[in-house]
Amino acid sequence: MKYELRWANEGVKEKWATLKRSTSKQDQDLVKSIKRTLEKLEYNPFNRGVNIPKDRIPKSLRKEYCLHNLFKIDINDNWRLVYFAKSLERDATLVIVIDFMTHIEYNRLFGYN
């Protein structure tokens, strides 16, 4: 299966680049965890993450990305990665990372207490 990964926008791409450049041990541990998470998505991203119910997807995200599916996957105990996936061809999948965020940021964005 062919797999293509993209960042949703320049802000998320820059956030990732900044994190990778950091010399903090905590940041480097997070980089390793995100890389492992992204590797998991190479093999059937439709079944790796938890499908976020459509009524929980913020309207701003639905409008900006014309979403039909949205998934979250736990990076570690405190971080979440939000993405959507799209089949391009019979054996190709596009995965677009919307953002990676702390659990608290995730709860705030999706309206959980």
PDB file of N, CA and C in Angstrom:
ATOM      1  N   MET A   1       0.836  -1.178   0.000  1.00  0.00           N
ATOM      2  CA  MET A   1       0.000   0.000   0.000  1.00  0.00           C
ATOM      3  C   MET A   1       0.883   1.243   0.000  1.00  0.00           C
ATOM      4  N   LYS A   2       0.576   2.168  -0.873  1.00  0.00           N
ATOM      5  CA  LYS A   2       1.286   3.439  -0.889  1.00  0.00           C
ATOM      6  C   LYS A   2       0.678   4.340   0.186  1.00  0.00           C
ATOM      7  N   TYR A   3       1.531   5.151   0.780  1.00  0.00           N
ATOM      8  CA  TYR A   3       1.129   5.997   1.895  1.00  0.00           C
ATOM      9  C   TYR A   3       1.790   7.351   1.715  1.00  0.00           C
ATOM     10  N   GLU A   4       1.003   8.398   1.841  1.00  0.00           N
ATOM     11  CA  GLU A   4       1.564   9.741   1.753  1.00  0.00           C
ATOM     12  C   GLU A   4       1.111  10.522   2.975  1.00  0.00           C
ATOM     13  N   LEU A   5       2.059  11.163   3.638  1.00  0.00           N
ATOM     14  CA  LEU A   5       1.778  11.959   4.830  1.00  0.00           C
ATOM     15  C   LEU A   5       1.986  13.423   4.502  1.00  0.00           C
ATOM     16  N   ARG A   6       1.025  14.238   4.921  1.00  0.00           N
ATOM     17  CA  ARG A   6       1.145  15.693   4.758  1.00  0.00           C
ATOM     18  C   ARG A   6       0.714  16.357   6.048  1.00  0.00           C
ATOM     19  N   TRP A   7       1.254  17.556   6.253  1.00  0.00           N
ATOM     20  CA  TRP A   7       0.817  18.396   7.365  1.00  0.00           C
ATOM     21  C   TRP A   7      -0.330  19.251   6.839  1.00  0.00           C
ATOM     22  N   ALA A   8      -1.319  19.519   7.660  1.00  0.00           N
ATOM     23  CA  ALA A   8      -2.527  20.226   7.226  1.00  0.00           C
ATOM     24  C   ALA A   8      -2.243  21.647   6.778  1.00  0.00           C
ATOM     25  N   ASN A   9      -1.281  22.289   7.413  1.00  0.00           N
ATOM     26  CA  ASN A   9      -0.972  23.676   7.060  1.00  0.00           C
ATOM     27  C   ASN A   9       0.453  24.012   7.500  1.00  0.00           C
ATOM     28  N   GLU A  10       0.889  25.177   7.122  1.00  0.00           N
ATOM     29  CA  GLU A  10       2.256  25.592   7.447  1.00  0.00           C
ATOM     30  C   GLU A  10       2.478  25.748   8.948  1.00  0.00           C
ATOM     31  N   GLY A  11       1.440  26.131   9.680  1.00  0.00           N
ATOM     32  CA  GLY A  11       1.575  26.287  11.128  1.00  0.00           C
ATOM     33  C   GLY A  11       1.919  24.975  11.817  1.00  0.00           C
ATOM     34  N   VAL A  12       1.248  23.906  11.420  1.00  0.00           N
ATOM     35  CA  VAL A  12       1.514  22.588  12.013  1.00  0.00           C
ATOM     36  C   VAL A  12       2.869  22.066  11.548  1.00  0.00           C
ATOM     37  N   LYS A  13       3.173  22.313  10.299  1.00  0.00           N
ATOM     38  CA  LYS A  13       4.480  21.894   9.765  1.00  0.00           C
ATOM     39  C   LYS A  13       5.614  22.592  10.517  1.00  0.00           C
ATOM     40  N   GLU A  14       5.449  23.882  10.789  1.00  0.00           N
ATOM     41  CA  GLU A  14       6.468  24.639  11.519  1.00  0.00           C
ATOM     42  C   GLU A  14       6.536  24.195  12.985  1.00  0.00           C
ATOM     43  N   LYS A  15       5.389  23.901  13.575  1.00  0.00           N
ATOM     44  CA  LYS A  15       5.349  23.395  14.953  1.00  0.00           C
ATOM     45  C   LYS A  15       6.177  22.111  15.057  1.00  0.00           C
ATOM     46  N   TRP A  16       6.038  21.219  14.070  1.00  0.00           N
ATOM     47  CA  TRP A  16       6.798  19.964  14.024  1.00  0.00           C
ATOM     48  C   TRP A  16       8.288  20.255  13.844  1.00  0.00           C
ATOM     49  N   ALA A  17       8.626  21.161  12.932  1.00  0.00           N
ATOM     50  CA  ALA A  17      10.030  21.502  12.686  1.00  0.00           C
ATOM     51  C   ALA A  17      10.679  22.099  13.931  1.00  0.00           C
ATOM     52  N   THR A  18       9.963  22.962  14.615  1.00  0.00           N
ATOM     53  CA  THR A  18      10.476  23.587  15.839  1.00  0.00           C
ATOM     54  C   THR A  18      10.712  22.535  16.922  1.00  0.00           C
ATOM     55  N   LEU A  19       9.757  21.624  17.056  1.00  0.00           N
ATOM     56  CA  LEU A  19       9.894  20.558  18.046  1.00  0.00           C
ATOM     57  C   LEU A  19      11.115  19.700  17.742  1.00  0.00           C
ATOM     58  N   LYS A  20      11.318  19.368  16.486  1.00  0.00           N
ATOM     59  CA  LYS A  20      12.464  18.537  16.103  1.00  0.00           C
ATOM     60  C   LYS A  20      13.796  19.246  16.357  1.00  0.00           C
ATOM     61  N   ARG A  21      13.819  20.569  16.253  1.00  0.00           N
ATOM     62  CA  ARG A  21      15.057  21.331  16.482  1.00  0.00           C
ATOM     63  C   ARG A  21      15.375  21.519  17.959  1.00  0.00           C
ATOM     64  N   SER A  22      14.390  21.332  18.806  1.00  0.00           N
ATOM     65  CA  SER A  22      14.581  21.551  20.239  1.00  0.00           C
ATOM     66  C   SER A  22      15.645  20.600  20.789  1.00  0.00           C
ATOM     67  N   THR A  23      16.390  21.083  21.767  1.00  0.00           N
ATOM     68  CA  THR A  23      17.411  20.249  22.405  1.00  0.00           C
ATOM     69  C   THR A  23      16.922  19.692  23.745  1.00  0.00           C
ATOM     70  N   SER A  24      15.714  20.048  24.135  1.00  0.00           N
ATOM     71  CA  SER A  24      15.143  19.562  25.388  1.00  0.00           C
ATOM     72  C   SER A  24      14.904  18.058  25.309  1.00  0.00           C
ATOM     73  N   LYS A  25      15.274  17.339  26.351  1.00  0.00           N
ATOM     74  CA  LYS A  25      15.052  15.897  26.392  1.00  0.00           C
ATOM     75  C   LYS A  25      13.562  15.580  26.285  1.00  0.00           C
ATOM     76  N   GLN A  26      12.752  16.341  26.973  1.00  0.00           N
ATOM     77  CA  GLN A  26      11.303  16.125  26.937  1.00  0.00           C
ATOM     78  C   GLN A  26      10.769  16.281  25.503  1.00  0.00           C
ATOM     79  N   ASP A  27      11.235  17.316  24.808  1.00  0.00           N
ATOM     80  CA  ASP A  27      10.802  17.523  23.417  1.00  0.00           C
ATOM     81  C   ASP A  27      11.302  16.407  22.507  1.00  0.00           C
ATOM     82  N   GLN A  28      12.530  15.970  22.711  1.00  0.00           N
ATOM     83  CA  GLN A  28      13.067  14.894  21.874  1.00  0.00           C
ATOM     84  C   GLN A  28      12.348  13.571  22.124  1.00  0.00           C
ATOM     85  N   ASP A  29      11.942  13.334  23.362  1.00  0.00           N
ATOM     86  CA  ASP A  29      11.137  12.147  23.660  1.00  0.00           C
ATOM     87  C   ASP A  29       9.798  12.224  22.933  1.00  0.00           C
ATOM     88  N   LEU A  30       9.211  13.425  22.897  1.00  0.00           N
ATOM     89  CA  LEU A  30       7.944  13.614  22.189  1.00  0.00           C
ATOM     90  C   LEU A  30       8.127  13.403  20.688  1.00  0.00           C
ATOM     91  N   VAL A  31       9.235  13.890  20.135  1.00  0.00           N
ATOM     92  CA  VAL A  31       9.532  13.683  18.709  1.00  0.00           C
ATOM     93  C   VAL A  31       9.581  12.191  18.402  1.00  0.00           C
ATOM     94  N   LYS A  32      10.282  11.428  19.222  1.00  0.00           N
ATOM     95  CA  LYS A  32      10.366   9.972  19.010  1.00  0.00           C
ATOM     96  C   LYS A  32       8.984   9.330  19.078  1.00  0.00           C
ATOM     97  N   SER A  33       8.186   9.758  20.035  1.00  0.00           N
ATOM     98  CA  SER A  33       6.833   9.202  20.176  1.00  0.00           C
ATOM     99  C   SER A  33       5.959   9.551  18.974  1.00  0.00           C
ATOM    100  N   ILE A  34       6.064  10.771  18.473  1.00  0.00           N
ATOM    101  CA  ILE A  34       5.284  11.169  17.297  1.00  0.00           C
ATOM    102  C   ILE A  34       5.726  10.371  16.076  1.00  0.00           C
ATOM    103  N   LYS A  35       7.024  10.194  15.912  1.00  0.00           N
ATOM    104  CA  LYS A  35       7.523   9.398  14.779  1.00  0.00           C
ATOM    105  C   LYS A  35       6.984   7.972  14.828  1.00  0.00           C
ATOM    106  N   ARG A  36       6.985   7.370  16.012  1.00  0.00           N
ATOM    107  CA  ARG A  36       6.430   6.013  16.161  1.00  0.00           C
ATOM    108  C   ARG A  36       4.935   5.998  15.804  1.00  0.00           C
ATOM    109  N   THR A  37       4.234   7.031  16.242  1.00  0.00           N
ATOM    110  CA  THR A  37       2.801   7.128  15.953  1.00  0.00           C
ATOM    111  C   THR A  37       2.570   7.263  14.454  1.00  0.00           C
ATOM    112  N   LEU A  38       3.358   8.100  13.792  1.00  0.00           N
ATOM    113  CA  LEU A  38       3.211   8.278  12.343  1.00  0.00           C
ATOM    114  C   LEU A  38       3.536   6.996  11.592  1.00  0.00           C
ATOM    115  N   GLU A  39       4.503   6.240  12.088  1.00  0.00           N
ATOM    116  CA  GLU A  39       4.829   4.952  11.462  1.00  0.00           C
ATOM    117  C   GLU A  39       3.649   3.989  11.551  1.00  0.00           C
ATOM    118  N   LYS A  40       2.924   4.018  12.658  1.00  0.00           N
ATOM    119  CA  LYS A  40       1.743   3.168  12.815  1.00  0.00           C
ATOM    120  C   LYS A  40       0.686   3.491  11.765  1.00  0.00           C
ATOM    121  N   LEU A  41       0.603   4.759  11.394  1.00  0.00           N
ATOM    122  CA  LEU A  41      -0.420   5.178  10.437  1.00  0.00           C
ATOM    123  C   LEU A  41      -0.137   4.701   9.021  1.00  0.00           C
ATOM    124  N   GLU A  42       1.094   4.279   8.758  1.00  0.00           N
ATOM    125  CA  GLU A  42       1.433   3.784   7.420  1.00  0.00           C
ATOM    126  C   GLU A  42       0.606   2.570   7.040  1.00  0.00           C
ATOM    127  N   TYR A  43       0.197   1.803   8.013  1.00  0.00           N
ATOM    128  CA  TYR A  43      -0.535   0.569   7.762  1.00  0.00           C
ATOM    129  C   TYR A  43      -1.981   0.741   8.202  1.00  0.00           C
ATOM    130  N   ASN A  44      -2.819   1.035   7.246  1.00  0.00           N
ATOM    131  CA  ASN A  44      -4.251   1.207   7.439  1.00  0.00           C
ATOM    132  C   ASN A  44      -4.602   2.262   8.488  1.00  0.00           C
ATOM    133  N   PRO A  45      -4.429   3.531   8.150  1.00  0.00           N
ATOM    134  CA  PRO A  45      -4.729   4.610   9.086  1.00  0.00           C
ATOM    135  C   PRO A  45      -6.201   4.686   9.477  1.00  0.00           C
ATOM    136  N   PHE A  46      -7.070   4.053   8.683  1.00  0.00           N
ATOM    137  CA  PHE A  46      -8.496   4.068   9.003  1.00  0.00           C
ATOM    138  C   PHE A  46      -8.809   3.232  10.246  1.00  0.00           C
ATOM    139  N   ASN A  47      -7.909   2.308  10.602  1.00  0.00           N
ATOM    140  CA  ASN A  47      -8.137   1.454  11.764  1.00  0.00           C
ATOM    141  C   ASN A  47      -7.163   1.685  12.906  1.00  0.00           C
ATOM    142  N   ARG A  48      -6.234   2.601  12.756  1.00  0.00           N
ATOM    143  CA  ARG A  48      -5.232   2.838  13.808  1.00  0.00           C
ATOM    144  C   ARG A  48      -5.731   3.803  14.869  1.00  0.00           C
ATOM    145  N   GLY A  49      -6.421   4.836  14.441  1.00  0.00           N
ATOM    146  CA  GLY A  49      -6.888   5.836  15.386  1.00  0.00           C
ATOM    147  C   GLY A  49      -8.338   5.606  15.770  1.00  0.00           C
ATOM    148  N   VAL A  50      -8.804   6.405  16.700  1.00  0.00           N
ATOM    149  CA  VAL A  50     -10.193   6.376  17.131  1.00  0.00           C
ATOM    150  C   VAL A  50     -10.958   7.370  16.265  1.00  0.00           C
ATOM    151  N   ASN A  51     -12.037   6.899  15.652  1.00  0.00           N
ATOM    152  CA  ASN A  51     -12.853   7.765  14.814  1.00  0.00           C
ATOM    153  C   ASN A  51     -13.602   8.747  15.716  1.00  0.00           C
ATOM    154  N   ILE A  52     -13.433  10.030  15.465  1.00  0.00           N
ATOM    155  CA  ILE A  52     -14.101  11.058  16.256  1.00  0.00           C
ATOM    156  C   ILE A  52     -15.524  11.211  15.726  1.00  0.00           C
ATOM    157  N   PRO A  53     -16.531  11.123  16.602  1.00  0.00           N
ATOM    158  CA  PRO A  53     -17.915  11.276  16.139  1.00  0.00           C
ATOM    159  C   PRO A  53     -18.118  12.618  15.423  1.00  0.00           C
ATOM    160  N   LYS A  54     -18.883  12.585  14.352  1.00  0.00           N
ATOM    161  CA  LYS A  54     -19.083  13.781  13.534  1.00  0.00           C
ATOM    162  C   LYS A  54     -19.638  14.957  14.337  1.00  0.00           C
ATOM    163  N   ASP A  55     -20.488  14.681  15.316  1.00  0.00           N
ATOM    164  CA  ASP A  55     -21.060  15.778  16.104  1.00  0.00           C
ATOM    165  C   ASP A  55     -20.041  16.396  17.062  1.00  0.00           C
ATOM    166  N   ARG A  56     -18.879  15.767  17.222  1.00  0.00           N
ATOM    167  CA  ARG A  56     -17.818  16.305  18.078  1.00  0.00           C
ATOM    168  C   ARG A  56     -16.754  17.072  17.294  1.00  0.00           C
ATOM    169  N   ILE A  57     -16.789  16.947  15.968  1.00  0.00           N
ATOM    170  CA  ILE A  57     -15.795  17.652  15.152  1.00  0.00           C
ATOM    171  C   ILE A  57     -16.143  19.135  15.146  1.00  0.00           C
ATOM    172  N   PRO A  58     -15.213  19.984  15.577  1.00  0.00           N
ATOM    173  CA  PRO A  58     -15.493  21.421  15.577  1.00  0.00           C
ATOM    174  C   PRO A  58     -15.871  21.918  14.175  1.00  0.00           C
ATOM    175  N   LYS A  59     -16.857  22.796  14.122  1.00  0.00           N
ATOM    176  CA  LYS A  59     -17.321  23.326  12.835  1.00  0.00           C
ATOM    177  C   LYS A  59     -16.186  23.976  12.057  1.00  0.00           C
ATOM    178  N   SER A  60     -15.277  24.623  12.776  1.00  0.00           N
ATOM    179  CA  SER A  60     -14.157  25.290  12.094  1.00  0.00           C
ATOM    180  C   SER A  60     -13.309  24.275  11.322  1.00  0.00           C
ATOM    181  N   LEU A  61     -13.075  23.105  11.902  1.00  0.00           N
ATOM    182  CA  LEU A  61     -12.295  22.074  11.208  1.00  0.00           C
ATOM    183  C   LEU A  61     -13.088  21.478  10.046  1.00  0.00           C
ATOM    184  N   ARG A  62     -14.377  21.218  10.280  1.00  0.00           N
ATOM    185  CA  ARG A  62     -15.208  20.657   9.201  1.00  0.00           C
ATOM    186  C   ARG A  62     -15.229  21.580   7.995  1.00  0.00           C
ATOM    187  N   LYS A  63     -15.362  22.873   8.265  1.00  0.00           N
ATOM    188  CA  LYS A  63     -15.433  23.855   7.182  1.00  0.00           C
ATOM    189  C   LYS A  63     -14.083  24.015   6.482  1.00  0.00           C
ATOM    190  N   GLU A  64     -13.021  24.137   7.254  1.00  0.00           N
ATOM    191  CA  GLU A  64     -11.699  24.382   6.678  1.00  0.00           C
ATOM    192  C   GLU A  64     -11.198  23.209   5.840  1.00  0.00           C
ATOM    193  N   TYR A  65     -11.477  21.986   6.285  1.00  0.00           N
ATOM    194  CA  TYR A  65     -10.913  20.816   5.614  1.00  0.00           C
ATOM    195  C   TYR A  65     -11.948  19.947   4.896  1.00  0.00           C
ATOM    196  N   CYS A  66     -13.227  20.348   4.908  1.00  0.00           N
ATOM    197  CA  CYS A  66     -14.303  19.556   4.279  1.00  0.00           C
ATOM    198  C   CYS A  66     -14.210  18.097   4.726  1.00  0.00           C
ATOM    199  N   LEU A  67     -14.190  17.894   6.021  1.00  0.00           N
ATOM    200  CA  LEU A  67     -13.943  16.576   6.600  1.00  0.00           C
ATOM    201  C   LEU A  67     -15.116  15.625   6.480  1.00  0.00           C
ATOM    202  N   HIS A  68     -14.802  14.391   6.123  1.00  0.00           N
ATOM    203  CA  HIS A  68     -15.771  13.307   6.155  1.00  0.00           C
ATOM    204  C   HIS A  68     -15.379  12.303   7.227  1.00  0.00           C
ATOM    205  N   ASN A  69     -14.142  12.351   7.646  1.00  0.00           N
ATOM    206  CA  ASN A  69     -13.683  11.510   8.752  1.00  0.00           C
ATOM    207  C   ASN A  69     -12.588  12.263   9.489  1.00  0.00           C
ATOM    208  N   LEU A  70     -12.473  11.980  10.738  1.00  0.00           N
ATOM    209  CA  LEU A  70     -11.420  12.568  11.555  1.00  0.00           C
ATOM    210  C   LEU A  70     -11.081  11.548  12.629  1.00  0.00           C
ATOM    211  N   PHE A  71      -9.793  11.380  12.843  1.00  0.00           N
ATOM    212  CA  PHE A  71      -9.322  10.392  13.805  1.00  0.00           C
ATOM    213  C   PHE A  71      -8.372  11.039  14.794  1.00  0.00           C
ATOM    214  N   LYS A  72      -8.288  10.416  15.960  1.00  0.00           N
ATOM    215  CA  LYS A  72      -7.260  10.814  16.926  1.00  0.00           C
ATOM    216  C   LYS A  72      -6.554   9.560  17.365  1.00  0.00           C
ATOM    217  N   ILE A  73      -5.284   9.733  17.612  1.00  0.00           N
ATOM    218  CA  ILE A  73      -4.488   8.620  18.119  1.00  0.00           C
ATOM    219  C   ILE A  73      -3.641   9.160  19.266  1.00  0.00           C
ATOM    220  N   ASP A  74      -3.556   8.388  20.320  1.00  0.00           N
ATOM    221  CA  ASP A  74      -2.753   8.807  21.473  1.00  0.00           C
ATOM    222  C   ASP A  74      -1.282   8.643  21.139  1.00  0.00           C
ATOM    223  N   ILE A  75      -0.539   9.709  21.300  1.00  0.00           N
ATOM    224  CA  ILE A  75       0.910   9.671  21.098  1.00  0.00           C
ATOM    225  C   ILE A  75       1.554   9.075  22.351  1.00  0.00           C
ATOM    226  N   ASN A  76       1.113   9.558  23.479  1.00  0.00           N
ATOM    227  CA  ASN A  76       1.526   9.033  24.784  1.00  0.00           C
ATOM    228  C   ASN A  76       0.418   9.386  25.769  1.00  0.00           C
ATOM    229  N   ASP A  77       0.687   9.321  27.048  1.00  0.00           N
ATOM    230  CA  ASP A  77      -0.370   9.601  28.033  1.00  0.00           C
ATOM    231  C   ASP A  77      -0.900  11.027  27.973  1.00  0.00           C
ATOM    232  N   ASN A  78      -0.102  11.965  27.491  1.00  0.00           N
ATOM    233  CA  ASN A  78      -0.495  13.368  27.546  1.00  0.00           C
ATOM    234  C   ASN A  78      -0.685  14.027  26.176  1.00  0.00           C
ATOM    235  N   TRP A  79      -0.321  13.387  25.094  1.00  0.00           N
ATOM    236  CA  TRP A  79      -0.378  14.018  23.767  1.00  0.00           C
ATOM    237  C   TRP A  79      -1.269  13.238  22.813  1.00  0.00           C
ATOM    238  N   ARG A  80      -1.962  13.981  21.931  1.00  0.00           N
ATOM    239  CA  ARG A  80      -2.856  13.403  20.928  1.00  0.00           C
ATOM    240  C   ARG A  80      -2.463  13.913  19.551  1.00  0.00           C
ATOM    241  N   LEU A  81      -2.668  13.079  18.546  1.00  0.00           N
ATOM    242  CA  LEU A  81      -2.453  13.472  17.158  1.00  0.00           C
ATOM    243  C   LEU A  81      -3.802  13.340  16.451  1.00  0.00           C
ATOM    244  N   VAL A  82      -4.226  14.397  15.770  1.00  0.00           N
ATOM    245  CA  VAL A  82      -5.503  14.415  15.076  1.00  0.00           C
ATOM    246  C   VAL A  82      -5.222  14.443  13.583  1.00  0.00           C
ATOM    247  N   TYR A  83      -5.890  13.557  12.840  1.00  0.00           N
ATOM    248  CA  TYR A  83      -5.621  13.435  11.410  1.00  0.00           C
ATOM    249  C   TYR A  83      -6.864  12.984  10.660  1.00  0.00           C
ATOM    250  N   PHE A  84      -6.829  13.151   9.354  1.00  0.00           N
ATOM    251  CA  PHE A  84      -7.843  12.501   8.531  1.00  0.00           C
ATOM    252  C   PHE A  84      -7.148  11.754   7.419  1.00  0.00           C
ATOM    253  N   ALA A  85      -7.856  10.779   6.887  1.00  0.00           N
ATOM    254  CA  ALA A  85      -7.285   9.905   5.870  1.00  0.00           C
ATOM    255  C   ALA A  85      -8.223   9.840   4.676  1.00  0.00           C
ATOM    256  N   LYS A  86      -7.618   9.660   3.524  1.00  0.00           N
ATOM    257  CA  LYS A  86      -8.392   9.613   2.288  1.00  0.00           C
ATOM    258  C   LYS A  86      -7.755   8.594   1.352  1.00  0.00           C
ATOM    259  N   SER A  87      -8.575   7.719   0.811  1.00  0.00           N
ATOM    260  CA  SER A  87      -8.082   6.768  -0.184  1.00  0.00           C
ATOM    261  C   SER A  87      -7.922   7.508  -1.502  1.00  0.00           C
ATOM    262  N   LEU A  88      -6.747   7.394  -2.102  1.00  0.00           N
ATOM    263  CA  LEU A  88      -6.476   8.068  -3.372  1.00  0.00           C
ATOM    264  C   LEU A  88      -6.719   7.138  -4.554  1.00  0.00           C
ATOM    265  N   GLU A  89      -6.217   5.955  -4.421  1.00  0.00           N
ATOM    266  CA  GLU A  89      -6.357   4.930  -5.448  1.00  0.00           C
ATOM    267  C   GLU A  89      -6.628   3.623  -4.714  1.00  0.00           C
ATOM    268  N   ARG A  90      -6.687   2.581  -5.473  1.00  0.00           N
ATOM    269  CA  ARG A  90      -6.966   1.284  -4.861  1.00  0.00           C
ATOM    270  C   ARG A  90      -5.952   0.909  -3.783  1.00  0.00           C
ATOM    271  N   ASP A  91      -4.720   1.291  -3.993  1.00  0.00           N
ATOM    272  CA  ASP A  91      -3.683   0.911  -3.032  1.00  0.00           C
ATOM    273  C   ASP A  91      -2.903   2.108  -2.493  1.00  0.00           C
ATOM    274  N   ALA A  92      -3.518   3.289  -2.481  1.00  0.00           N
ATOM    275  CA  ALA A  92      -2.822   4.476  -1.986  1.00  0.00           C
ATOM    276  C   ALA A  92      -3.709   5.234  -0.993  1.00  0.00           C
ATOM    277  N   THR A  93      -3.080   5.731   0.060  1.00  0.00           N
ATOM    278  CA  THR A  93      -3.793   6.477   1.086  1.00  0.00           C
ATOM    279  C   THR A  93      -3.043   7.760   1.415  1.00  0.00           C
ATOM    280  N   LEU A  94      -3.798   8.824   1.565  1.00  0.00           N
ATOM    281  CA  LEU A  94      -3.262  10.116   1.971  1.00  0.00           C
ATOM    282  C   LEU A  94      -3.672  10.344   3.422  1.00  0.00           C
ATOM    283  N   VAL A  95      -2.696  10.667   4.263  1.00  0.00           N
ATOM    284  CA  VAL A  95      -2.958  10.998   5.660  1.00  0.00           C
ATOM    285  C   VAL A  95      -2.536  12.447   5.870  1.00  0.00           C
ATOM    286  N   ILE A  96      -3.467  13.242   6.383  1.00  0.00           N
ATOM    287  CA  ILE A  96      -3.164  14.648   6.656  1.00  0.00           C
ATOM    288  C   ILE A  96      -3.278  14.882   8.155  1.00  0.00           C
ATOM    289  N   VAL A  97      -2.169  15.305   8.739  1.00  0.00           N
ATOM    290  CA  VAL A  97      -2.118  15.589  10.171  1.00  0.00           C
ATOM    291  C   VAL A  97      -2.649  16.997  10.400  1.00  0.00           C
ATOM    292  N   ILE A  98      -3.758  17.072  11.125  1.00  0.00           N
ATOM    293  CA  ILE A  98      -4.367  18.363  11.466  1.00  0.00           C
ATOM    294  C   ILE A  98      -3.537  19.054  12.543  1.00  0.00           C
ATOM    295  N   ASP A  99      -3.172  18.290  13.572  1.00  0.00           N
ATOM    296  CA  ASP A  99      -2.370  18.872  14.651  1.00  0.00           C
ATOM    297  C   ASP A  99      -1.965  17.772  15.629  1.00  0.00           C
ATOM    298  N   PHE A 100      -0.990  18.085  16.445  1.00  0.00           N
ATOM    299  CA  PHE A 100      -0.663  17.270  17.618  1.00  0.00           C
ATOM    300  C   PHE A 100      -0.731  18.217  18.788  1.00  0.00           C
ATOM    301  N   MET A 101      -1.316  17.742  19.878  1.00  0.00           N
ATOM    302  CA  MET A 101      -1.627  18.644  20.992  1.00  0.00           C
ATOM    303  C   MET A 101      -1.674  17.872  22.297  1.00  0.00           C
ATOM    304  N   THR A 102      -1.619  18.620  23.388  1.00  0.00           N
ATOM    305  CA  THR A 102      -1.742  17.978  24.694  1.00  0.00           C
ATOM    306  C   THR A 102      -3.168  17.474  24.874  1.00  0.00           C
ATOM    307  N   HIS A 103      -3.327  16.591  25.830  1.00  0.00           N
ATOM    308  CA  HIS A 103      -4.653  16.052  26.138  1.00  0.00           C
ATOM    309  C   HIS A 103      -5.609  17.187  26.516  1.00  0.00           C
ATOM    310  N   ILE A 104      -5.141  18.136  27.289  1.00  0.00           N
ATOM    311  CA  ILE A 104      -5.979  19.264  27.714  1.00  0.00           C
ATOM    312  C   ILE A 104      -6.399  20.101  26.501  1.00  0.00           C
ATOM    313  N   GLU A 105      -5.473  20.379  25.586  1.00  0.00           N
ATOM    314  CA  GLU A 105      -5.808  21.132  24.365  1.00  0.00           C
ATOM    315  C   GLU A 105      -6.823  20.359  23.520  1.00  0.00           C
ATOM    316  N   TYR A 106      -6.636  19.044  23.440  1.00  0.00           N
ATOM    317  CA  TYR A 106      -7.568  18.193  22.695  1.00  0.00           C
ATOM    318  C   TYR A 106      -8.976  18.291  23.296  1.00  0.00           C
ATOM    319  N   ASN A 107      -9.068  18.138  24.607  1.00  0.00           N
ATOM    320  CA  ASN A 107     -10.375  18.218  25.276  1.00  0.00           C
ATOM    321  C   ASN A 107     -11.044  19.558  25.044  1.00  0.00           C
ATOM    322  N   ARG A 108     -10.265  20.620  25.108  1.00  0.00           N
ATOM    323  CA  ARG A 108     -10.805  21.964  24.901  1.00  0.00           C
ATOM    324  C   ARG A 108     -11.327  22.121  23.472  1.00  0.00           C
ATOM    325  N   LEU A 109     -10.546  21.692  22.496  1.00  0.00           N
ATOM    326  CA  LEU A 109     -10.917  21.816  21.089  1.00  0.00           C
ATOM    327  C   LEU A 109     -12.194  21.038  20.767  1.00  0.00           C
ATOM    328  N   PHE A 110     -12.326  19.844  21.342  1.00  0.00           N
ATOM    329  CA  PHE A 110     -13.445  18.975  20.995  1.00  0.00           C
ATOM    330  C   PHE A 110     -14.610  19.045  21.995  1.00  0.00           C
ATOM    331  N   GLY A 111     -14.505  19.942  22.957  1.00  0.00           N
ATOM    332  CA  GLY A 111     -15.636  20.186  23.864  1.00  0.00           C
ATOM    333  C   GLY A 111     -15.847  19.132  24.932  1.00  0.00           C
ATOM    334  N   TYR A 112     -14.765  18.440  25.317  1.00  0.00           N
ATOM    335  CA  TYR A 112     -14.865  17.481  26.401  1.00  0.00           C
ATOM    336  C   TYR A 112     -14.496  18.173  27.714  1.00  0.00           C
ATOM    337  N   ASN A 113     -15.052  17.695  28.799  1.00  0.00           N
ATOM    338  CA  ASN A 113     -14.721  18.277  30.116  1.00  0.00           C
ATOM    339  C   ASN A 113     -13.513  17.621  30.706  1.00  0.00           C
TER     340      ASN A 113
END
